[in-house]
Amino acid sequence: MTQVSQLVDTITKGIQEKKGRQIVVADLARIEGAIARYFIICEGNSPSQVEAITESVSDTARLQLGEKPVRVAGLDNAQWVAMDYGDVMVHVFLPDVRQFYDLEHLWDDADISQLPDVD
């Protein structure tokens, strides 16, 4: 397993740990000019859950792989938090904000995987 795919797995575990829902992994490797190799998109039901998911992703990646995000944006209002891990971008949304921006469909050429929700 490559380091990047390990990071993707670890990040999705961090999301699932805090009951993040509707997890989508978009593999952008074949898309020329893409800003990252993977987009991971999920949602939380409230700003506090969005914050908790973000914290869980950060802690899980740091503790399991020694990886820290280059940048985290959006925590001030926690409606859409973007975490930049270089090759992997993580987007944690409130449901209505996610629907509005519809990131999954910006990347129609990407290989999209939907992970089942963990209850």
Protein backbone atom coordinates (compact mmCIF):
# COMPACT_ATOMS: atom_id res chain seq x y z
CA MET A 1 0.00 0.00 0.00
CA THR A 2 1.45 3.37 -0.96
CA GLN A 3 1.91 6.15 1.55
CA VAL A 4 -0.85 8.19 -0.12
CA SER A 5 -3.37 5.33 -0.04
CA GLN A 6 -2.44 4.72 3.61
CA LEU A 7 -3.18 8.38 4.30
CA VAL A 8 -6.56 8.09 2.53
CA ASP A 9 -7.45 5.03 4.65
CA THR A 10 -6.32 6.72 7.86
CA ILE A 11 -8.28 9.90 7.10
CA THR A 12 -11.47 7.96 6.36
CA LYS A 13 -11.06 6.10 9.67
CA GLY A 14 -10.76 9.47 11.42
CA ILE A 15 -13.97 10.62 9.74
CA GLN A 16 -15.82 7.43 10.65
CA GLU A 17 -14.60 7.69 14.24
CA LYS A 18 -16.79 10.81 14.65
CA LYS A 19 -19.70 9.45 12.58
CA GLY A 20 -18.99 11.57 9.50
CA ARG A 21 -21.50 10.63 6.82
CA GLN A 22 -21.72 10.31 3.04
CA ILE A 23 -17.95 9.80 2.67
CA VAL A 24 -16.77 10.05 -0.92
CA VAL A 25 -13.21 9.47 -2.12
CA ALA A 26 -12.43 10.99 -5.52
CA ASP A 27 -9.27 9.70 -7.19
CA LEU A 28 -8.03 12.61 -9.32
CA ALA A 29 -4.76 10.97 -10.45
CA ARG A 30 -5.86 10.79 -14.11
CA ILE A 31 -7.06 14.41 -14.22
CA GLU A 32 -4.49 16.78 -15.63
CA GLY A 33 -3.99 19.90 -13.55
CA ALA A 34 -5.83 18.57 -10.47
CA ILE A 35 -4.63 20.28 -7.29
CA ALA A 36 -4.41 16.99 -5.38
CA ARG A 37 -4.33 13.26 -6.03
CA TYR A 38 -7.39 12.59 -3.87
CA PHE A 39 -10.36 14.54 -2.57
CA ILE A 40 -12.12 13.10 0.45
CA ILE A 41 -15.54 14.66 1.01
CA CYS A 42 -17.88 14.05 3.94
CA GLU A 43 -20.44 15.80 6.09
CA GLY A 44 -21.33 16.39 9.70
CA ASN A 45 -24.77 17.36 10.97
CA SER A 46 -23.70 20.47 12.93
CA PRO A 47 -20.78 22.88 13.16
CA SER A 48 -19.63 21.11 16.34
CA GLN A 49 -19.63 17.74 14.54
CA VAL A 50 -17.72 19.27 11.61
CA GLU A 51 -15.12 20.49 14.14
CA ALA A 52 -15.00 17.07 15.84
CA ILE A 53 -14.49 15.29 12.50
CA THR A 54 -11.71 17.73 11.57
CA GLU A 55 -9.99 17.18 14.91
CA SER A 56 -10.35 13.40 14.60
CA VAL A 57 -8.84 13.39 11.09
CA SER A 58 -5.95 15.55 12.29
CA ASP A 59 -5.28 13.40 15.38
CA THR A 60 -5.61 10.08 13.55
CA ALA A 61 -3.26 11.08 10.70
CA ARG A 62 -0.71 12.52 13.15
CA LEU A 63 -0.75 9.59 15.58
CA GLN A 64 -0.85 6.77 13.01
CA LEU A 65 1.31 8.21 10.20
CA GLY A 66 3.05 11.29 11.60
CA GLU A 67 1.21 13.40 8.99
CA LYS A 68 0.02 16.93 9.66
CA PRO A 69 -2.08 19.08 7.33
CA VAL A 70 -0.22 21.83 5.49
CA ARG A 71 -3.22 24.08 6.04
CA VAL A 72 -6.70 23.93 7.56
CA ALA A 73 -9.28 26.53 6.51
CA GLY A 74 -12.88 27.13 7.57
CA LEU A 75 -12.81 26.21 11.25
CA ASP A 76 -13.98 29.71 12.25
CA ASN A 77 -17.57 28.97 11.16
CA ALA A 78 -17.26 25.17 10.62
CA GLN A 79 -19.67 25.01 7.67
CA TRP A 80 -16.97 23.84 5.26
CA VAL A 81 -13.55 22.88 6.56
CA ALA A 82 -10.80 22.14 4.04
CA MET A 83 -7.69 20.24 5.18
CA ASP A 84 -4.69 20.18 2.85
CA TYR A 85 -2.43 17.13 3.15
CA GLY A 86 -0.62 17.85 -0.13
CA ASP A 87 -1.69 14.84 -2.21
CA VAL A 88 -4.95 14.55 -0.26
CA MET A 89 -7.54 17.28 0.27
CA VAL A 90 -10.21 16.67 2.91
CA HIS A 91 -13.52 18.56 2.81
CA VAL A 92 -15.89 18.39 5.78
CA PHE A 93 -19.23 20.05 5.11
CA LEU A 94 -22.57 20.79 6.68
CA PRO A 95 -25.14 19.01 4.43
CA ASP A 96 -26.68 22.14 2.83
CA VAL A 97 -23.27 23.70 2.14
CA ARG A 98 -22.07 20.45 0.58
CA GLN A 99 -25.14 20.31 -1.63
CA PHE A 100 -24.60 23.93 -2.71
CA TYR A 101 -20.94 23.47 -3.74
CA ASP A 102 -21.45 19.93 -5.08
CA LEU A 103 -17.71 19.16 -5.27
CA GLU A 104 -18.23 15.52 -6.24
CA HIS A 105 -19.69 16.57 -9.59
CA LEU A 106 -16.92 19.06 -10.39
CA TRP A 107 -14.71 16.04 -10.97
CA ASP A 108 -16.82 13.97 -13.38
CA ASP A 109 -13.68 12.31 -14.79
CA ALA A 110 -12.52 11.12 -11.36
CA ASP A 111 -12.92 7.60 -10.03
CA ILE A 112 -15.45 8.10 -7.23
CA SER A 113 -15.85 5.67 -4.31
CA GLN A 114 -18.68 6.02 -1.81
CA LEU A 115 -17.98 4.55 1.63
CA PRO A 116 -20.85 3.17 3.67
CA ASP A 117 -21.93 5.18 6.72
CA VAL A 118 -20.85 3.72 10.05
CA ASP A 119 -23.55 3.71 12.72
